Protein backbone atom coordinates (compact mmCIF):
# COMPACT_ATOMS: atom_id res chain seq x y z
CA MET A 1 -17.95 -155.92 -36.41
CA ALA A 2 -20.17 -158.84 -35.38
CA LYS A 3 -17.44 -160.17 -33.09
CA THR A 4 -17.00 -156.75 -31.50
CA ALA A 5 -20.73 -156.35 -30.92
CA SER A 6 -20.96 -159.84 -29.44
CA LEU A 7 -18.15 -159.14 -26.97
CA ALA A 8 -19.73 -155.85 -25.94
CA LEU A 9 -23.11 -157.48 -25.32
CA VAL A 10 -21.62 -160.28 -23.22
CA VAL A 11 -19.57 -157.89 -21.07
CA LEU A 12 -22.58 -155.60 -20.65
CA PHE A 13 -24.70 -158.57 -19.56
CA VAL A 14 -22.07 -159.65 -17.03
CA PHE A 15 -21.86 -156.23 -15.41
CA SER A 16 -25.62 -155.62 -15.46
CA ALA A 17 -26.36 -158.87 -13.63
CA VAL A 18 -23.71 -158.20 -11.01
CA LEU A 19 -24.75 -154.63 -10.29
CA VAL A 20 -28.41 -155.58 -9.79
CA VAL A 21 -27.57 -158.29 -7.25
CA SER A 22 -25.05 -156.07 -5.51
CA SER A 23 -27.53 -153.31 -4.75
CA SER A 24 -29.92 -155.65 -2.91
CA SER A 25 -27.22 -156.78 -0.47
CA VAL A 26 -26.38 -153.18 0.41
CA ALA A 27 -30.04 -152.46 1.16
CA ALA A 28 -30.24 -155.49 3.44
CA SER A 29 -27.20 -154.48 5.47
CA ASP A 30 -28.60 -151.00 6.07
CA ALA A 31 -31.89 -152.27 7.52
CA ARG A 32 -32.75 -152.13 11.22
CA CYS A 33 -31.67 -155.05 13.46
CA THR A 34 -34.50 -157.31 14.61
CA HIS A 35 -32.25 -159.36 16.92
CA THR A 36 -29.05 -158.18 18.62
CA TYR A 37 -26.52 -160.38 20.46
CA SER A 38 -23.39 -159.90 22.53
CA ALA A 39 -22.88 -163.65 22.99
CA PRO A 40 -24.17 -166.70 21.13
CA PRO A 41 -27.30 -168.33 22.60
CA ALA A 42 -25.63 -171.73 22.10
CA GLU A 43 -22.46 -173.21 20.64
CA GLN A 44 -24.68 -174.94 18.06
CA TRP A 45 -26.82 -171.99 17.07
CA THR A 46 -29.70 -172.43 14.64
CA ILE A 47 -31.40 -169.39 13.10
CA GLY A 48 -34.78 -170.63 11.97
CA SER A 49 -36.88 -167.52 11.30
CA PRO A 50 -36.53 -164.44 9.07
CA GLY A 51 -34.88 -161.36 10.50
CA ILE A 52 -31.76 -159.24 10.73
CA TYR A 53 -29.42 -160.78 13.29
CA CYS A 54 -26.79 -158.30 14.47
CA LEU A 55 -23.71 -159.28 16.47
CA ASN A 56 -21.97 -156.79 18.73
CA ALA A 57 -18.18 -156.66 18.88
CA GLY A 58 -16.61 -159.74 20.43
CA THR A 59 -15.57 -163.34 19.77
CA TYR A 60 -18.38 -165.90 19.41
CA ASN A 61 -17.66 -169.57 20.16
CA ALA A 62 -20.40 -170.82 17.89
CA GLN A 63 -21.24 -172.84 14.79
CA ILE A 64 -24.25 -171.27 13.07
CA THR A 65 -26.84 -172.94 10.85
CA ILE A 66 -29.40 -170.80 9.01
CA THR A 67 -32.55 -172.71 8.05
CA SER A 68 -34.84 -169.85 6.98
CA SER A 69 -35.06 -167.58 3.98
CA ASP A 70 -34.75 -163.80 4.41
CA VAL A 71 -32.07 -163.87 7.10
CA VAL A 72 -29.28 -161.30 7.43
CA LEU A 73 -26.38 -162.26 9.73
CA MET A 74 -24.07 -159.31 10.24
CA GLY A 75 -21.80 -157.31 12.46
CA ALA A 76 -23.91 -154.77 14.31
CA PRO A 77 -24.11 -151.24 12.91
CA GLY A 78 -21.08 -149.27 14.08
CA THR A 79 -18.73 -152.26 14.20
CA ASP A 80 -15.75 -152.39 11.88
CA LEU A 81 -14.63 -155.45 9.98
CA GLY A 82 -12.45 -157.44 12.39
CA GLN A 83 -14.41 -156.62 15.54
CA VAL A 84 -16.99 -159.42 15.27
CA VAL A 85 -15.31 -162.84 15.18
CA ILE A 86 -17.03 -166.22 14.90
CA GLU A 87 -14.47 -168.77 16.06
CA PRO A 88 -15.86 -172.10 17.31
CA SER A 89 -13.66 -174.31 19.47
CA GLN A 90 -14.98 -177.34 17.59
CA VAL A 91 -17.39 -178.14 14.78
CA VAL A 92 -19.88 -180.91 14.10
CA VAL A 93 -21.31 -182.15 10.82
CA ASN A 94 -24.25 -179.92 9.90
CA ASN A 95 -24.64 -180.63 6.20
CA TYR A 96 -25.18 -184.08 4.71
CA LEU A 97 -25.96 -183.08 1.12
CA SER A 98 -22.92 -181.12 -0.03
CA ALA A 99 -22.32 -181.38 -3.77
CA PHE A 100 -18.58 -181.31 -3.13
CA GLY A 101 -17.44 -184.92 -3.33
CA GLY A 102 -20.65 -186.15 -1.67
CA LEU A 103 -19.00 -185.80 1.73
CA PRO A 104 -20.75 -184.66 4.89
CA GLN A 105 -19.69 -181.15 5.76
CA ALA A 106 -18.87 -179.22 8.89
CA ALA A 107 -19.42 -175.55 8.01
CA ILE A 108 -18.88 -172.79 10.56
CA VAL A 109 -21.75 -170.84 8.99
CA LEU A 110 -24.20 -172.90 6.93
CA ALA A 111 -27.24 -171.59 5.08
CA GLY A 112 -29.38 -174.56 4.09
CA ILE A 113 -31.67 -177.27 5.39
CA SER A 114 -29.59 -180.42 5.45
CA GLY A 115 -31.31 -183.46 4.02
CA SER A 116 -34.45 -181.60 2.96
CA GLY A 117 -33.85 -181.07 -0.74
CA SER A 118 -35.40 -177.61 -0.35
CA ASN A 119 -33.73 -174.25 -0.86
CA LEU A 120 -33.50 -170.82 0.75
CA ALA A 121 -33.46 -167.29 -0.69
CA GLY A 122 -32.59 -163.83 0.57
CA VAL A 123 -29.79 -164.90 2.93
CA SER A 124 -26.97 -162.44 3.61
CA VAL A 125 -23.76 -162.85 5.66
CA THR A 126 -21.71 -159.68 6.00
CA ASN A 127 -19.14 -157.79 8.09
CA LEU A 128 -17.91 -160.82 10.05
CA VAL A 129 -14.65 -162.65 10.66
CA ILE A 130 -15.02 -166.41 10.33
CA ASP A 131 -11.93 -168.05 11.86
CA GLY A 132 -11.45 -171.82 11.62
CA ALA A 133 -8.10 -172.17 13.40
CA ALA A 134 -9.40 -173.30 16.81
CA ALA A 135 -11.80 -175.89 15.35
CA SER A 136 -9.38 -177.38 12.85
CA SER A 137 -8.25 -180.20 15.13
CA SER A 138 -11.85 -181.34 15.69
CA ILE A 139 -12.00 -182.54 12.06
CA ASP A 140 -9.92 -185.53 13.21
CA ASN A 141 -13.01 -186.68 15.12
CA PHE A 142 -14.64 -187.70 11.83
CA GLY A 143 -11.85 -189.87 10.36
CA LEU A 144 -9.33 -189.39 7.57
CA CYS A 145 -10.55 -187.44 4.53
CA SER A 146 -14.17 -188.12 5.49
CA THR A 147 -15.57 -184.64 6.19
CA ASP A 148 -15.37 -181.38 4.29
CA TYR A 149 -14.54 -178.32 6.39
CA ALA A 150 -15.93 -174.95 5.30
CA GLY A 151 -16.02 -171.39 6.56
CA ILE A 152 -19.30 -170.26 4.95
CA ASN A 153 -21.44 -172.57 2.84
CA PHE A 154 -24.64 -171.67 1.00
CA ASN A 155 -26.07 -175.13 0.34
CA GLY A 156 -29.13 -174.73 -1.84
CA ALA A 157 -29.34 -171.13 -0.62
CA ALA A 158 -29.23 -167.85 -2.56
CA GLY A 159 -28.25 -164.39 -1.43
CA SER A 160 -24.97 -162.63 -0.68
CA ILE A 161 -21.71 -163.22 1.18
CA SER A 162 -19.93 -159.89 1.33
CA ASN A 163 -17.29 -157.90 3.19
CA ASN A 164 -16.10 -160.75 5.42
CA ILE A 165 -12.75 -162.20 6.43
CA VAL A 166 -12.88 -166.00 6.20
CA GLU A 167 -9.58 -167.39 7.41
CA ASN A 168 -7.75 -170.49 8.59
CA ILE A 169 -10.11 -173.07 7.09
CA TYR A 170 -7.54 -175.84 6.94
CA LEU A 171 -7.58 -179.47 8.06
CA PRO A 172 -5.29 -180.90 10.74
CA PRO A 173 -1.74 -181.51 9.45
CA ASP A 174 -2.28 -185.28 9.13
CA GLN A 175 -5.13 -184.55 6.68
CA ALA A 176 -3.40 -181.77 4.75
CA GLY A 177 -3.50 -183.82 1.54
CA CYS A 178 -7.27 -184.37 1.63
CA PHE A 179 -9.33 -182.52 -0.97
CA ASP A 180 -11.36 -180.69 1.65
CA GLY A 181 -11.26 -177.37 3.46
CA GLY A 182 -12.65 -174.30 1.72
CA GLY A 183 -13.27 -170.73 2.78
CA ILE A 184 -16.55 -169.93 0.99
CA ASN A 185 -18.67 -172.49 -0.86
CA GLY A 186 -21.85 -172.26 -2.89
CA ASP A 187 -23.41 -175.58 -3.81
CA THR A 188 -26.64 -177.48 -4.28
CA ASN A 189 -28.51 -179.87 -1.99
CA ASN A 190 -30.07 -181.61 -5.02
CA ILE A 191 -32.29 -178.60 -5.72
CA ALA A 192 -30.38 -175.63 -7.08
CA PRO A 193 -30.90 -172.14 -5.62
CA THR A 194 -33.58 -170.11 -7.37
CA GLU A 195 -31.32 -167.03 -7.57
CA ALA A 196 -27.63 -166.27 -7.86
CA ILE A 197 -25.17 -166.18 -4.97
CA THR A 198 -23.12 -162.98 -4.85
CA ILE A 199 -19.72 -163.42 -3.20
CA SER A 200 -18.02 -160.04 -3.06
CA ASP A 201 -15.37 -158.02 -1.24
CA ASN A 202 -14.23 -160.88 1.00
CA ILE A 203 -10.69 -161.64 2.17
CA VAL A 204 -9.99 -165.40 2.29
CA PRO A 205 -6.50 -166.42 3.50
CA ASN A 206 -5.21 -169.80 4.67
CA TYR A 207 -7.53 -172.40 3.18
CA ASN A 208 -6.76 -176.05 2.60
CA GLU A 209 -8.21 -176.68 -0.87
CA TYR A 210 -10.42 -173.85 -2.21
CA GLY A 211 -10.64 -170.22 -1.28
CA ILE A 212 -14.00 -169.70 -2.99
CA ALA A 213 -15.79 -172.50 -4.84
CA CYS A 214 -19.16 -172.94 -6.51
CA PHE A 215 -20.26 -176.33 -7.71
CA GLY A 216 -23.28 -178.12 -9.09
CA ALA A 217 -25.65 -177.72 -11.99
CA GLY A 218 -28.04 -174.82 -11.50
CA VAL A 219 -25.76 -172.93 -9.11
CA GLU A 220 -24.83 -169.43 -10.32
CA CYS A 221 -22.23 -167.33 -8.53
CA ASN A 222 -21.14 -163.73 -9.01
CA VAL A 223 -17.64 -163.74 -7.55
CA MET A 224 -16.38 -160.16 -7.44
CA GLU A 225 -13.48 -158.25 -5.92
CA ASN A 226 -12.36 -160.89 -3.43
CA ALA A 227 -8.76 -161.58 -2.35
CA VAL A 228 -7.80 -165.22 -1.74
CA SER A 229 -4.46 -166.77 -0.74
CA PHE A 230 -3.51 -170.37 0.05
CA TYR A 231 -2.19 -171.65 3.41
CA THR A 232 1.36 -172.00 2.11
CA ARG A 233 2.57 -173.91 5.18
CA TYR A 234 0.70 -176.92 3.77
CA SER A 235 2.25 -176.76 0.31
CA THR A 236 5.07 -179.14 1.36
CA LEU A 237 3.14 -181.48 3.67
CA ALA A 238 1.11 -183.57 1.25
CA PRO A 239 0.04 -183.64 -2.39
CA VAL A 240 -2.52 -180.89 -2.76
CA PHE A 241 -3.56 -178.83 -5.75
CA PRO A 242 -5.36 -175.87 -4.22
CA ALA A 243 -7.40 -173.38 -6.22
CA GLY A 244 -8.03 -169.82 -5.17
CA ILE A 245 -11.38 -169.55 -6.97
CA ALA A 246 -13.08 -172.56 -8.56
CA ILE A 247 -16.25 -172.89 -10.67
CA LEU A 248 -17.02 -176.59 -10.96
CA TYR A 249 -19.29 -179.30 -12.35
CA GLY A 250 -22.14 -177.40 -13.97
CA ALA A 251 -22.04 -174.24 -11.86
CA VAL A 252 -21.96 -170.94 -13.75
CA GLY A 253 -19.61 -168.26 -12.52
CA LYS A 254 -19.02 -164.61 -13.29
CA VAL A 255 -15.53 -164.23 -11.84
CA LEU A 256 -14.68 -160.52 -11.93
CA PHE A 257 -11.84 -158.37 -10.55
CA ASN A 258 -10.54 -160.80 -7.91
CA THR A 259 -6.98 -161.40 -6.72
CA ALA A 260 -5.71 -164.98 -6.24
CA SER A 261 -2.20 -165.78 -5.02
CA GLY A 262 0.07 -168.35 -3.40
CA ASN A 263 -1.62 -171.51 -4.69
CA GLU A 264 1.39 -173.80 -4.97
CA CYS A 265 2.24 -177.47 -4.47
CA ASN A 266 5.82 -178.14 -3.33
CA VAL A 267 5.99 -181.87 -2.58
CA PRO A 268 9.01 -183.31 -4.43
CA LEU A 269 8.21 -185.52 -7.44
CA ILE A 270 4.46 -185.43 -6.84
CA CYS A 271 4.29 -181.72 -7.59
CA GLY A 272 5.94 -180.09 -10.57
CA PRO A 273 5.52 -178.42 -13.95
CA ASN A 274 3.66 -181.24 -15.73
CA TYR A 275 0.02 -180.23 -15.41
CA ILE A 276 -1.17 -183.60 -16.72
CA SER A 277 0.77 -185.99 -14.48
CA GLN A 278 1.74 -183.84 -11.46
CA ASP A 279 -0.13 -181.79 -8.88
CA LEU A 280 -0.23 -178.02 -9.26
CA GLY A 281 -2.09 -175.14 -7.60
CA GLN A 282 -4.25 -172.77 -9.62
CA GLY A 283 -5.20 -169.17 -9.03
CA ILE A 284 -8.53 -169.60 -10.83
CA LEU A 285 -9.97 -172.94 -12.00
CA THR A 286 -13.03 -173.62 -14.11
CA GLU A 287 -13.73 -177.33 -14.51
CA GLU A 288 -16.79 -178.57 -16.37
CA SER A 289 -18.41 -175.25 -15.56
CA GLY A 290 -21.76 -174.31 -17.07
CA ALA A 291 -22.29 -172.27 -20.22
CA GLY A 292 -21.87 -168.55 -19.58
CA THR A 293 -18.91 -168.79 -17.19
CA VAL A 294 -16.55 -165.83 -17.61
CA VAL A 295 -13.24 -164.88 -15.96
CA ILE A 296 -12.65 -161.14 -16.47
CA GLY A 297 -10.33 -158.50 -15.02
CA ASN A 298 -8.72 -160.67 -12.34
CA THR A 299 -5.15 -160.54 -11.01
CA VAL A 300 -3.52 -163.95 -10.53
CA ARG A 301 0.06 -164.03 -9.35
CA GLY A 302 2.41 -166.35 -7.51
CA ASN A 303 0.52 -169.59 -8.27
CA ASP A 304 1.70 -172.72 -10.07
CA ILE A 305 -0.85 -172.00 -12.83
CA GLY A 306 -2.55 -168.63 -13.13
CA ILE A 307 -5.84 -169.64 -14.79
CA TRP A 308 -6.89 -173.16 -15.80
CA ASN A 309 -9.99 -173.75 -17.93
CA TYR A 310 -10.75 -177.49 -18.04
CA ASP A 311 -13.39 -179.36 -20.08
CA ASP A 312 -15.73 -176.40 -20.58
CA THR A 313 -16.09 -173.23 -22.66
CA ALA A 314 -15.24 -170.58 -20.05
CA SER A 315 -14.12 -167.22 -21.43
CA SER A 316 -11.04 -165.54 -19.93
CA TRP A 317 -10.58 -161.88 -20.88
CA ASN A 318 -8.53 -158.95 -19.71
CA ASN A 319 -6.80 -160.73 -16.81
CA LEU A 320 -3.41 -159.80 -15.34
CA VAL A 321 -1.53 -163.12 -15.17
CA GLN A 322 1.75 -162.39 -13.45
CA ASN A 323 4.69 -164.41 -12.06
CA ASN A 324 2.96 -167.78 -11.92
CA ARG A 325 5.61 -170.46 -11.57
CA TRP A 326 4.85 -172.88 -14.41
CA GLU A 327 2.03 -171.83 -16.75
CA GLY A 328 0.26 -168.50 -17.05
CA MET A 329 -2.87 -170.09 -18.51
CA VAL A 330 -3.84 -173.69 -19.32
CA LEU A 331 -6.73 -174.55 -21.67
CA THR A 332 -7.70 -178.24 -21.69
CA ASP A 333 -10.40 -180.32 -23.39
CA GLY A 334 -12.78 -177.61 -24.58
CA ASP A 335 -13.34 -174.63 -26.85
CA TYR A 336 -11.69 -171.43 -25.64
CA THR A 337 -11.26 -167.83 -26.77
CA PRO A 338 -8.86 -166.07 -24.34
CA PHE A 339 -8.80 -162.37 -25.20
CA ASP A 340 -6.60 -159.46 -24.13
CA ASN A 341 -4.89 -161.16 -21.19
CA GLN A 342 -1.57 -159.73 -20.00
CA ILE A 343 0.81 -162.60 -19.25
CA SER A 344 4.32 -162.48 -17.81
CA GLY A 345 6.80 -164.30 -15.60
CA SER A 346 5.96 -168.00 -16.21
CA GLN A 347 7.76 -170.87 -17.93
CA ILE A 348 4.95 -171.14 -20.50
CA GLY A 349 2.62 -168.30 -21.38
CA ILE A 350 -0.43 -170.29 -22.52
CA ALA A 351 -0.58 -174.10 -22.69
CA VAL A 352 -3.32 -175.69 -24.81
CA SER A 353 -3.78 -179.42 -24.26
CA SER A 354 -5.85 -182.56 -24.62
CA ASP A 355 -5.27 -185.09 -21.86
CA GLY A 356 -7.31 -188.12 -22.91
CA LEU A 357 -9.84 -187.79 -20.10
CA ALA A 358 -12.66 -186.07 -22.01
CA ASN A 359 -14.11 -187.17 -25.33
CA ASP A 360 -13.62 -183.73 -26.79
CA SER A 361 -10.91 -182.15 -28.90
CA THR A 362 -9.37 -178.88 -27.72
CA GLU A 363 -9.73 -175.77 -29.83
CA ALA A 364 -8.35 -172.40 -28.74
CA VAL A 365 -8.49 -169.08 -30.54
CA LEU A 366 -6.01 -166.69 -28.92
CA THR A 367 -6.70 -163.05 -29.73
CA PHE A 368 -4.73 -159.96 -28.70
CA ASN A 369 -3.11 -161.53 -25.65
CA HIS A 370 -0.01 -159.68 -24.42
CA PHE A 371 3.12 -161.78 -23.73
CA ILE A 372 5.54 -159.65 -21.71
CA GLY A 373 9.17 -160.56 -21.02
CA GLN A 374 10.77 -164.00 -21.28
CA PHE A 375 9.06 -167.42 -21.32
CA PRO A 376 11.89 -169.98 -21.02
CA GLN A 377 9.89 -172.93 -22.37
CA ALA A 378 7.35 -171.39 -24.76
CA LEU A 379 5.09 -168.45 -25.33
CA VAL A 380 2.40 -170.91 -26.40
CA GLN A 381 2.52 -174.70 -26.11
CA ALA A 382 0.10 -177.04 -27.88
CA VAL A 383 0.23 -180.62 -26.58
CA SER A 384 -1.84 -183.77 -27.05
CA TYR A 385 -1.31 -186.69 -24.73
CA SER A 386 -1.95 -190.16 -26.06
CA ALA A 387 -4.53 -192.03 -24.00
CA PRO A 388 -2.17 -194.56 -22.35
CA TYR A 389 0.00 -191.74 -21.00
CA ALA A 390 -2.78 -189.46 -19.84
CA TYR A 391 -3.25 -188.77 -16.16
CA ALA A 392 -5.54 -191.47 -14.72
CA PHE A 393 -5.19 -193.31 -18.05
CA GLY A 394 -8.03 -191.61 -19.91
CA PRO A 395 -9.36 -193.64 -22.85
CA TYR A 396 -9.47 -190.89 -25.50
CA ALA A 397 -7.00 -189.50 -27.99
CA GLU A 398 -7.89 -186.03 -29.23
CA PRO A 399 -6.19 -183.41 -31.39
CA VAL A 400 -5.36 -179.87 -30.31
CA THR A 401 -5.97 -176.88 -32.57
CA VAL A 402 -4.61 -173.43 -31.76
CA LYS A 403 -5.27 -170.31 -33.79
CA ILE A 404 -3.25 -167.22 -32.87
CA ASP A 405 -4.69 -164.22 -34.66
CA GLY A 406 -4.98 -166.24 -37.87
CA PHE A 407 -1.87 -168.45 -37.47
CA LEU A 408 -3.02 -172.10 -37.19
CA VAL A 409 -1.34 -174.98 -35.34
CA THR A 410 -2.80 -178.49 -35.16
CA VAL A 411 -1.28 -181.24 -33.00
CA THR A 412 -2.45 -184.84 -33.39
CA PRO A 413 -2.32 -187.29 -30.47
CA GLY A 414 1.10 -188.66 -29.61
CA SER A 415 2.35 -192.21 -29.74
CA LEU A 416 2.27 -194.66 -26.87
CA GLY A 417 3.61 -192.96 -23.77
CA THR A 418 4.84 -189.88 -25.63
CA PRO A 419 2.79 -186.73 -26.13
CA SER A 420 2.91 -184.74 -29.33
CA TYR A 421 3.60 -181.06 -28.84
CA VAL A 422 4.55 -177.82 -30.50
CA ASN A 423 6.35 -175.06 -28.61
CA ILE A 424 5.90 -171.60 -30.10
CA THR A 425 8.79 -169.56 -28.78
CA SER A 426 8.38 -166.34 -30.73
CA LEU A 427 5.56 -164.49 -32.43
CA PRO A 428 5.87 -161.79 -35.08
CA GLY A 429 4.53 -158.35 -34.24
CA PRO A 430 0.91 -158.74 -35.35
CA TRP A 431 0.41 -161.66 -32.96
CA ILE A 432 1.41 -159.66 -29.89
CA LEU A 433 0.07 -156.32 -31.10
CA SER A 434 -1.24 -154.09 -28.36
CA LEU A 435 -4.96 -153.44 -28.57
CA ASP A 436 -4.18 -149.74 -28.52
CA ALA A 437 -3.54 -150.15 -32.24
CA VAL A 438 -7.20 -150.99 -32.81
CA ALA A 439 -8.61 -148.28 -30.56
CA HIS A 440 -8.90 -150.49 -27.48
CA GLU A 441 -7.90 -149.10 -24.13
CA LYS A 442 -7.67 -150.86 -20.78
CA ILE A 443 -8.10 -148.48 -17.88
CA GLY A 444 -6.98 -150.14 -14.65
CA LEU A 445 -8.71 -153.29 -13.47
CA HIS A 446 -12.14 -151.88 -12.71
CA GLN A 447 -12.87 -150.14 -15.97
CA LEU A 448 -13.01 -151.47 -19.53
CA GLU A 449 -13.46 -149.61 -22.76
CA VAL A 450 -13.98 -152.12 -25.56
CA PHE A 451 -13.33 -150.88 -29.07
CA SER A 452 -13.57 -147.27 -28.00
CA ASN A 453 -16.98 -145.93 -29.05
CA GLN A 454 -18.89 -149.22 -28.75
CA LEU A 455 -19.06 -149.68 -24.98
CA ARG A 456 -17.93 -147.79 -21.91
CA LEU A 457 -18.36 -149.23 -18.43
CA PRO A 458 -17.74 -147.00 -15.39
CA SER A 459 -15.77 -148.34 -12.44
CA ARG A 460 -17.64 -149.74 -9.47
CA PRO A 461 -17.48 -147.52 -6.36
């Protein structure tokens, strides 16, 4: 009963926080325009005072930097999504304090005051198309792998990014293997935002590295009902391991009801099924994320790995993990409790591993997860890599413990150059029992009923 109550409280908290933030962004978009444009005032356009900046239908050759709190940048009332396009012919560096890799950044729309260490609040970007195709070649002006390219970046800024199309944020082909190029980013400029960033109802196709990413201690993102898909043309050009949605390095994310697809790496030898020593794409990645990160109700399909939780305690519940090429879910170097996920169509259902890179054993409690169909390698794999074999030659050797509805497996670190592993290829009935048997019902992807009479959450409109 205590476990049930705890789950209900956490889910209720997640939805309450999201719904409160969501309502404020709707109010902002309904307000009266204070500035209206049919063309950009300059190719390098700085918005430095509060107001509601409305763009009429058309294509805007502009790179926009917002340096004030309480700014709404939006398609003018009466325009439909797709009619207002921001597509610069080239970009310049406009952010020198990105948390992502410490690189300078060229963002098509930036909210933040570069180099100031201060933050913004009440910024909203909505009902726009941000297209990076024309400006992609200008990234070569900055040198190889030296500048991060972004569609929208909130750098030390809080507010909302909603109902946009952010597309074609990829580097030139000669830089396809660089770890840069993301559709929507939320990060810190050494002072974290004072409020959460809500990223909702966006379509993000054709990115180079991340579709949506939040990174840095103190950054909190509500990532809801977005659709992200990788620029698959680049999957064979260079070693890349793209992620559709990523919560990284201290950021806290509530990742709810999104769809992530097509994140694959197809370079021979460099890419492949070994998630420790080869490159793979992930639908959703949490890596060293902050306490309170949850991944709930998402659909991840057609990736190398569906969901990867790495070196944190992120909770993954009620996700549809479908037709991912190698692993449905991977849990590495942390404490995890995946619950009620529906997994099908991968070589391994859930892989639980220690890789030698974090001084932390891996413990996973798998409860009421549904394994559907065939898994040629294993339903569940527990593997511990000895330190000399680990990717990047990590110095640690840690055990892996997996508990599957009461069944316990412990794997100690392997010998030199050889990992220890256990492949679980079949589970008796109680370990794959449908939650219907304990009065749990899943109603679509936008509605959860947890243990029947304890909690009912209506679908979002």
